[in-house]
Amino acid sequence: MNFKYTILYVENVEETLAFFCKAFGLEQKMLHETGDYGELDTGATTLSFSSFELMKSLGKSPTRAAPDNPTFEIAFETDDVPAGIAKALAAGAKLVQKPEDMPWGQTTAYVSDKNGYLIEICTPVGG
């Protein structure tokens, strides 16, 4: 098996796609005509978004992300974490943690998007 995609549940798929494109330099892969589902071009594994309304109509009971109590994070790798953080903040992200050098040779920082998802911006390990 291959890990194909991750779907995050959001209030507004179109706005979320636009944020991720602006904040992290990604490209929109598709947005369904209903506006309830969309994908970003992130390589072999797709980052997708589905509206709360669509999930409810499918009998699911999605919950909102909690930036103060995250259950997971997504990460974007870059050689310049401060520039990545600045770009994300300019796009509307909220700073969670300033860049820090980790003992394993990685620089990490965290932001959250308007949906409350925790997003790590980091260098390669050992880089």
Protein backbone atom coordinates (compact mmCIF):
# COMPACT_ATOMS: atom_id res chain seq x y z
CA MET A 1 0.00 0.00 0.00
CA ASN A 2 0.96 3.64 -0.50
CA PHE A 3 0.04 6.59 1.69
CA LYS A 4 -2.10 8.57 -0.76
CA TYR A 5 -3.62 11.58 1.02
CA THR A 6 -4.53 13.33 4.24
CA ILE A 7 -7.85 15.16 4.48
CA LEU A 8 -8.32 18.00 6.93
CA TYR A 9 -11.85 19.13 7.75
CA VAL A 10 -12.36 22.87 7.40
CA GLU A 11 -15.08 25.49 7.37
CA ASN A 12 -14.23 26.91 3.93
CA VAL A 13 -12.25 24.75 1.49
CA GLU A 14 -11.60 27.46 -1.10
CA GLU A 15 -10.24 29.94 1.48
CA THR A 16 -8.10 27.23 3.05
CA LEU A 17 -6.60 26.24 -0.31
CA ALA A 18 -5.80 29.89 -1.02
CA PHE A 19 -4.14 30.27 2.39
CA PHE A 20 -1.93 27.20 1.95
CA CYS A 21 -0.91 28.33 -1.54
CA LYS A 22 0.03 31.79 -0.31
CA ALA A 23 1.57 30.74 3.02
CA PHE A 24 3.61 27.76 1.83
CA GLY A 25 4.01 28.23 -1.92
CA LEU A 26 1.90 25.20 -2.83
CA GLU A 27 -0.25 24.88 -5.93
CA GLN A 28 -3.92 24.03 -6.00
CA LYS A 29 -4.45 20.66 -7.67
CA MET A 30 -8.24 20.79 -7.77
CA LEU A 31 -11.36 22.25 -6.19
CA HIS A 32 -14.65 20.40 -6.69
CA GLU A 33 -17.38 22.54 -8.27
CA THR A 34 -19.39 22.36 -5.02
CA GLY A 35 -16.49 23.92 -3.12
CA ASP A 36 -16.71 21.14 -0.54
CA TYR A 37 -13.50 19.30 -1.45
CA GLY A 38 -10.12 20.37 -2.75
CA GLU A 39 -6.53 19.21 -3.05
CA LEU A 40 -3.07 20.74 -3.09
CA ASP A 41 -0.21 19.46 -5.23
CA THR A 42 2.24 18.30 -2.57
CA GLY A 43 4.01 15.46 -4.38
CA ALA A 44 3.26 11.77 -3.99
CA THR A 45 0.98 12.33 -0.98
CA THR A 46 -1.84 14.82 -1.47
CA LEU A 47 -2.96 17.31 1.17
CA SER A 48 -6.73 17.56 0.86
CA PHE A 49 -9.50 19.53 2.51
CA SER A 50 -13.16 18.67 2.97
CA SER A 51 -15.88 20.92 4.33
CA PHE A 52 -17.55 20.17 7.64
CA GLU A 53 -20.88 20.30 5.79
CA LEU A 54 -19.86 17.57 3.34
CA MET A 55 -18.63 15.33 6.14
CA LYS A 56 -21.85 15.85 8.10
CA SER A 57 -23.90 14.97 5.01
CA LEU A 58 -21.89 11.72 4.80
CA GLY A 59 -22.87 10.81 8.36
CA LYS A 60 -19.57 11.77 9.97
CA SER A 61 -19.25 13.97 13.06
CA PRO A 62 -16.10 16.00 12.46
CA THR A 63 -14.62 18.13 15.21
CA ARG A 64 -12.67 21.31 14.86
CA ALA A 65 -8.93 21.49 15.37
CA ALA A 66 -7.83 22.95 18.69
CA PRO A 67 -4.60 24.98 18.43
CA ASP A 68 -4.12 24.85 22.22
CA ASN A 69 -4.64 21.09 22.32
CA PRO A 70 -3.48 19.63 18.97
CA THR A 71 -3.77 15.94 18.24
CA PHE A 72 -1.39 16.02 15.26
CA GLU A 73 0.63 18.36 13.08
CA ILE A 74 1.60 18.68 9.46
CA ALA A 75 5.09 19.80 8.49
CA PHE A 76 6.68 21.68 5.64
CA GLU A 77 10.43 21.41 5.12
CA THR A 78 12.57 24.35 4.04
CA ASP A 79 16.19 25.47 4.24
CA ASP A 80 15.09 28.86 5.66
CA VAL A 81 12.69 28.51 8.60
CA PRO A 82 12.61 32.26 9.50
CA ALA A 83 11.63 33.12 5.90
CA GLY A 84 9.04 30.34 5.92
CA ILE A 85 7.56 31.65 9.14
CA ALA A 86 7.49 35.22 7.82
CA LYS A 87 5.68 34.10 4.66
CA ALA A 88 3.12 32.08 6.64
CA LEU A 89 2.47 34.97 9.04
CA ALA A 90 2.04 37.39 6.13
CA ALA A 91 -0.61 35.02 4.73
CA GLY A 92 -2.54 35.06 8.02
CA ALA A 93 -1.04 32.24 10.08
CA LYS A 94 -0.64 32.69 13.83
CA LEU A 95 2.73 32.14 15.46
CA VAL A 96 2.75 29.25 17.93
CA GLN A 97 6.50 28.82 18.45
CA LYS A 98 9.46 30.84 17.17
CA PRO A 99 12.28 29.00 15.36
CA GLU A 100 14.37 26.83 17.66
CA ASP A 101 17.46 24.72 17.00
CA MET A 102 16.87 21.15 18.11
CA PRO A 103 19.59 18.84 19.48
CA TRP A 104 19.13 16.46 16.55
CA GLY A 105 20.30 19.11 14.08
CA GLN A 106 16.98 20.50 12.91
CA THR A 107 15.43 23.97 13.21
CA THR A 108 11.70 23.93 13.89
CA ALA A 109 8.96 26.51 14.34
CA TYR A 110 5.18 26.31 14.50
CA VAL A 111 2.20 28.28 13.25
CA SER A 112 -1.51 27.58 13.12
CA ASP A 113 -3.89 28.30 10.29
CA LYS A 114 -7.33 29.90 10.71
CA ASN A 115 -8.82 26.43 11.13
CA GLY A 116 -6.60 25.80 14.16
CA TYR A 117 -4.32 23.20 12.57
CA LEU A 118 -0.78 23.04 13.93
CA ILE A 119 1.82 23.42 11.16
CA GLU A 120 5.53 22.82 11.64
CA ILE A 121 8.03 24.64 9.45
CA CYS A 122 11.38 22.91 9.68
CA THR A 123 14.75 22.27 8.12
CA PRO A 124 15.83 18.77 7.13
CA VAL A 125 17.11 16.75 10.08
CA GLY A 126 20.84 17.33 10.41
CA GLY A 127 20.57 20.37 8.15
